[in-house]
Amino acid sequence: MSRQMAKLESLGLIERQPSIKDRRVREAVVSTSGREMIAVLNRARERLANRILASWTDDDLDQLGKLLRRFADDLMR
């Protein structure tokens, strides 16, 4: 985990700082650049999904939503 965190930090996507609750712990927070990267990725994902789902019927989308909800619920068990 620490190598991945170091890579994200070297890319400027996160910043590590001492925890307010426990100074022995270093917390990672998403940096401004990290938030911008997240926004770019979310927009790209949304464009891709819109292109894929454009021809799907309302029933198809409803079924997809129900199955994704079931999948997410089962992951949490």
Protein backbone atom coordinates (compact mmCIF):
# COMPACT_ATOMS: atom_id res chain seq x y z
CA MET A 1 0.00 0.00 0.00
CA SER A 2 2.76 2.43 0.86
CA ARG A 3 4.30 2.10 -2.62
CA GLN A 4 0.98 2.96 -4.25
CA MET A 5 0.54 5.90 -1.90
CA ALA A 6 4.09 7.08 -2.65
CA LYS A 7 3.36 6.89 -6.39
CA LEU A 8 0.14 8.90 -6.02
CA GLU A 9 1.99 11.44 -3.91
CA SER A 10 4.83 11.72 -6.45
CA LEU A 11 2.21 12.39 -9.14
CA GLY A 12 0.72 15.13 -6.98
CA LEU A 13 -2.64 13.36 -6.73
CA ILE A 14 -2.61 13.02 -2.94
CA GLU A 15 -0.97 14.78 -0.03
CA ARG A 16 0.00 13.06 3.19
CA GLN A 17 -0.32 14.84 6.49
CA PRO A 18 -0.29 13.95 10.18
CA SER A 19 -3.65 12.88 11.56
CA ILE A 20 -5.37 15.39 13.79
CA LYS A 21 -6.58 12.57 16.07
CA ASP A 22 -3.33 10.61 16.26
CA ARG A 23 -0.06 12.32 15.32
CA ARG A 24 1.62 8.91 14.80
CA VAL A 25 -0.67 8.31 11.82
CA ARG A 26 -0.20 9.95 8.42
CA GLU A 27 -3.42 10.47 6.49
CA ALA A 28 -3.71 10.79 2.74
CA VAL A 29 -6.00 13.43 1.29
CA VAL A 30 -6.83 14.00 -2.34
CA SER A 31 -5.02 17.07 -3.65
CA THR A 32 -6.46 19.71 -5.95
CA SER A 33 -4.74 17.96 -8.87
CA GLY A 34 -6.19 14.65 -7.68
CA ARG A 35 -9.71 16.10 -7.60
CA GLU A 36 -9.22 17.49 -11.10
CA MET A 37 -8.04 14.06 -12.31
CA ILE A 38 -11.08 12.41 -10.72
CA ALA A 39 -13.36 14.89 -12.50
CA VAL A 40 -11.67 14.19 -15.87
CA LEU A 41 -12.02 10.44 -15.39
CA ASN A 42 -15.65 10.75 -14.30
CA ARG A 43 -16.49 12.81 -17.40
CA ALA A 44 -14.78 10.27 -19.67
CA ARG A 45 -16.62 7.40 -17.96
CA GLU A 46 -19.91 9.24 -18.34
CA ARG A 47 -19.32 9.89 -22.05
CA LEU A 48 -18.50 6.23 -22.60
CA ALA A 49 -21.54 5.02 -20.67
CA ASN A 50 -23.82 7.44 -22.51
CA ARG A 51 -22.55 6.15 -25.85
CA ILE A 52 -23.02 2.52 -24.82
CA LEU A 53 -26.44 2.99 -23.23
CA ALA A 54 -27.91 5.36 -25.83
CA SER A 55 -29.84 2.59 -27.59
CA TRP A 56 -30.98 0.81 -24.43
CA THR A 57 -34.68 0.91 -23.60
CA ASP A 58 -36.04 2.20 -20.30
CA ASP A 59 -36.74 -1.41 -19.32
CA ASP A 60 -33.13 -2.37 -20.10
CA LEU A 61 -31.86 0.51 -17.95
CA ASP A 62 -34.26 -0.37 -15.15
CA GLN A 63 -33.08 -3.98 -15.17
CA LEU A 64 -29.43 -2.87 -15.21
CA GLY A 65 -30.08 -0.64 -12.20
CA LYS A 66 -31.72 -3.47 -10.27
CA LEU A 67 -28.92 -5.91 -11.07
CA LEU A 68 -26.22 -3.38 -10.14
CA ARG A 69 -28.00 -2.72 -6.84
CA ARG A 70 -28.14 -6.48 -6.17
CA PHE A 71 -24.45 -6.80 -7.09
CA ALA A 72 -23.48 -3.93 -4.76
CA ASP A 73 -25.59 -5.36 -1.91
CA ASP A 74 -23.99 -8.79 -2.33
CA LEU A 75 -20.51 -7.23 -2.25
CA MET A 76 -21.29 -5.79 1.17
CA ARG A 77 -22.15 -9.15 2.74
